[in-house]
C-alpha atoms as a PDB file:
ATOM      1  CA  UNK A   1      20.923   4.889   5.173  1.00  0.00           C
ATOM      2  CA  UNK A   2      17.715   5.216   3.164  1.00  0.00           C
ATOM      3  CA  UNK A   3      15.383   2.285   2.589  1.00  0.00           C
ATOM      4  CA  UNK A   4      15.233   0.905  -0.924  1.00  0.00           C
ATOM      5  CA  UNK A   5      11.714  -0.316  -1.608  1.00  0.00           C
ATOM      6  CA  UNK A   6      10.849  -1.471  -5.112  1.00  0.00           C
ATOM      7  CA  UNK A   7       7.784  -2.784  -6.900  1.00  0.00           C
ATOM      8  CA  UNK A   8       6.793  -6.432  -6.337  1.00  0.00           C
ATOM      9  CA  UNK A   9       8.561  -6.635  -2.941  1.00  0.00           C
ATOM     10  CA  UNK A  10       6.622  -7.818   0.089  1.00  0.00           C
ATOM     11  CA  UNK A  11       6.417  -5.312   2.934  1.00  0.00           C
ATOM     12  CA  UNK A  12       4.914  -5.124   6.434  1.00  0.00           C
ATOM     13  CA  UNK A  13       3.304  -1.980   7.835  1.00  0.00           C
ATOM     14  CA  UNK A  14       5.126  -1.121  11.084  1.00  0.00           C
ATOM     15  CA  UNK A  15       3.191   1.940  12.270  1.00  0.00           C
ATOM     16  CA  UNK A  16      -0.219   3.504  12.005  1.00  0.00           C
ATOM     17  CA  UNK A  17      -3.735   2.111  11.902  1.00  0.00           C
ATOM     18  CA  UNK A  18      -2.776  -0.760   9.583  1.00  0.00           C
ATOM     19  CA  UNK A  19       0.177  -2.001  11.665  1.00  0.00           C
ATOM     20  CA  UNK A  20       1.025  -5.675  11.083  1.00  0.00           C
ATOM     21  CA  UNK A  21      -0.587  -5.993   7.654  1.00  0.00           C
ATOM     22  CA  UNK A  22       1.476  -7.469   4.822  1.00  0.00           C
ATOM     23  CA  UNK A  23       1.227  -6.832   1.124  1.00  0.00           C
ATOM     24  CA  UNK A  24       3.040  -6.532  -2.162  1.00  0.00           C
ATOM     25  CA  UNK A  25       4.176  -3.103  -3.356  1.00  0.00           C
ATOM     26  CA  UNK A  26       2.055  -2.088  -6.359  1.00  0.00           C
ATOM     27  CA  UNK A  27       3.635   1.266  -7.137  1.00  0.00           C
ATOM     28  CA  UNK A  28       6.327   3.601  -5.844  1.00  0.00           C
ATOM     29  CA  UNK A  29       5.257   7.215  -6.287  1.00  0.00           C
ATOM     30  CA  UNK A  30       7.406  10.329  -6.278  1.00  0.00           C
ATOM     31  CA  UNK A  31       7.445  12.120  -2.973  1.00  0.00           C
ATOM     32  CA  UNK A  32       8.255   9.049  -0.846  1.00  0.00           C
ATOM     33  CA  UNK A  33       4.812   7.425  -1.116  1.00  0.00           C
ATOM     34  CA  UNK A  34       4.057   3.784  -1.947  1.00  0.00           C
ATOM     35  CA  UNK A  35       0.918   1.767  -2.722  1.00  0.00           C
ATOM     36  CA  UNK A  36       0.630  -1.581  -0.933  1.00  0.00           C
ATOM     37  CA  UNK A  37      -1.828  -4.239  -2.097  1.00  0.00           C
ATOM     38  CA  UNK A  38      -4.778  -4.618   0.307  1.00  0.00           C
ATOM     39  CA  UNK A  39      -3.529  -2.025   2.814  1.00  0.00           C
ATOM     40  CA  UNK A  40      -4.982   1.440   3.553  1.00  0.00           C
ATOM     41  CA  UNK A  41      -8.159   0.929   1.508  1.00  0.00           C
ATOM     42  CA  UNK A  42     -10.387   3.959   0.940  1.00  0.00           C
ATOM     43  CA  UNK A  43     -13.781   4.194  -0.730  1.00  0.00           C
ATOM     44  CA  UNK A  44     -13.972   6.259  -3.909  1.00  0.00           C
ATOM     45  CA  UNK A  45     -17.217   7.026  -5.706  1.00  0.00           C
ATOM     46  CA  UNK A  46     -17.215   6.811  -9.496  1.00  0.00           C
ATOM     47  CA  UNK A  47     -19.715   8.474 -11.748  1.00  0.00           C
ATOM     48  CA  UNK A  48     -21.470   6.650 -14.554  1.00  0.00           C
ATOM     49  CA  UNK A  49     -19.424   6.311 -17.736  1.00  0.00           C
ATOM     50  CA  UNK A  50     -19.458   4.084 -20.802  1.00  0.00           C
ATOM     51  CA  UNK A  51     -16.823   1.883 -19.186  1.00  0.00           C
ATOM     52  CA  UNK A  52     -18.702   1.743 -15.869  1.00  0.00           C
ATOM     53  CA  UNK A  53     -22.423   2.187 -16.661  1.00  0.00           C
ATOM     54  CA  UNK A  54     -23.566   1.537 -13.069  1.00  0.00           C
ATOM     55  CA  UNK A  55     -21.156   3.901 -11.342  1.00  0.00           C
ATOM     56  CA  UNK A  56     -21.027   3.389  -7.581  1.00  0.00           C
ATOM     57  CA  UNK A  57     -18.345   2.948  -4.958  1.00  0.00           C
ATOM     58  CA  UNK A  58     -14.950   1.310  -5.417  1.00  0.00           C
ATOM     59  CA  UNK A  59     -12.354   0.441  -2.786  1.00  0.00           C
ATOM     60  CA  UNK A  60      -8.831   1.506  -3.750  1.00  0.00           C
ATOM     61  CA  UNK A  61      -5.454   1.558  -2.049  1.00  0.00           C
ATOM     62  CA  UNK A  62      -4.297   4.930  -0.788  1.00  0.00           C
ATOM     63  CA  UNK A  63      -0.577   5.758  -0.622  1.00  0.00           C
ATOM     64  CA  UNK A  64       1.504   5.278   2.534  1.00  0.00           C
ATOM     65  CA  UNK A  65       4.747   7.011   3.437  1.00  0.00           C
ATOM     66  CA  UNK A  66       7.710   4.697   2.919  1.00  0.00           C
ATOM     67  CA  UNK A  67       8.877   5.181   6.531  1.00  0.00           C
ATOM     68  CA  UNK A  68       5.769   3.346   7.777  1.00  0.00           C
ATOM     69  CA  UNK A  69       6.724   0.044   6.117  1.00  0.00           C
ATOM     70  CA  UNK A  70       9.567  -2.454   6.398  1.00  0.00           C
ATOM     71  CA  UNK A  71      10.677  -5.193   4.029  1.00  0.00           C
ATOM     72  CA  UNK A  72       9.057  -8.475   5.101  1.00  0.00           C
ATOM     73  CA  UNK A  73      12.332 -10.411   5.147  1.00  0.00           C
ATOM     74  CA  UNK A  74      13.907  -7.860   7.516  1.00  0.00           C
ATOM     75  CA  UNK A  75      10.769  -7.870   9.679  1.00  0.00           C
ATOM     76  CA  UNK A  76      10.774 -11.672   9.965  1.00  0.00           C
ATOM     77  CA  UNK A  77      14.496 -11.777  10.775  1.00  0.00           C
ATOM     78  CA  UNK A  78      13.996  -9.170  13.494  1.00  0.00           C
ATOM     79  CA  UNK A  79      11.108 -11.140  15.061  1.00  0.00           C
ATOM     80  CA  UNK A  80      13.278 -14.263  15.623  1.00  0.00           C
END
């Protein structure tokens, strides 16, 4: 049975370097990847543009594989 993870659901990371962190799903990408708010942050460097005249570094979420997360309600029920 495949997991069904949708936008706006709360999930918990169950494996990897960010294990135990919770967050809301921002986006579900093709290829079984998801973006979770505040989890797996990476630093990207932006060049100067009219929209961003200073340029500089920005922290953004990087995608995680869906098998590394679990719905928060299932996680909490399993913990009890």
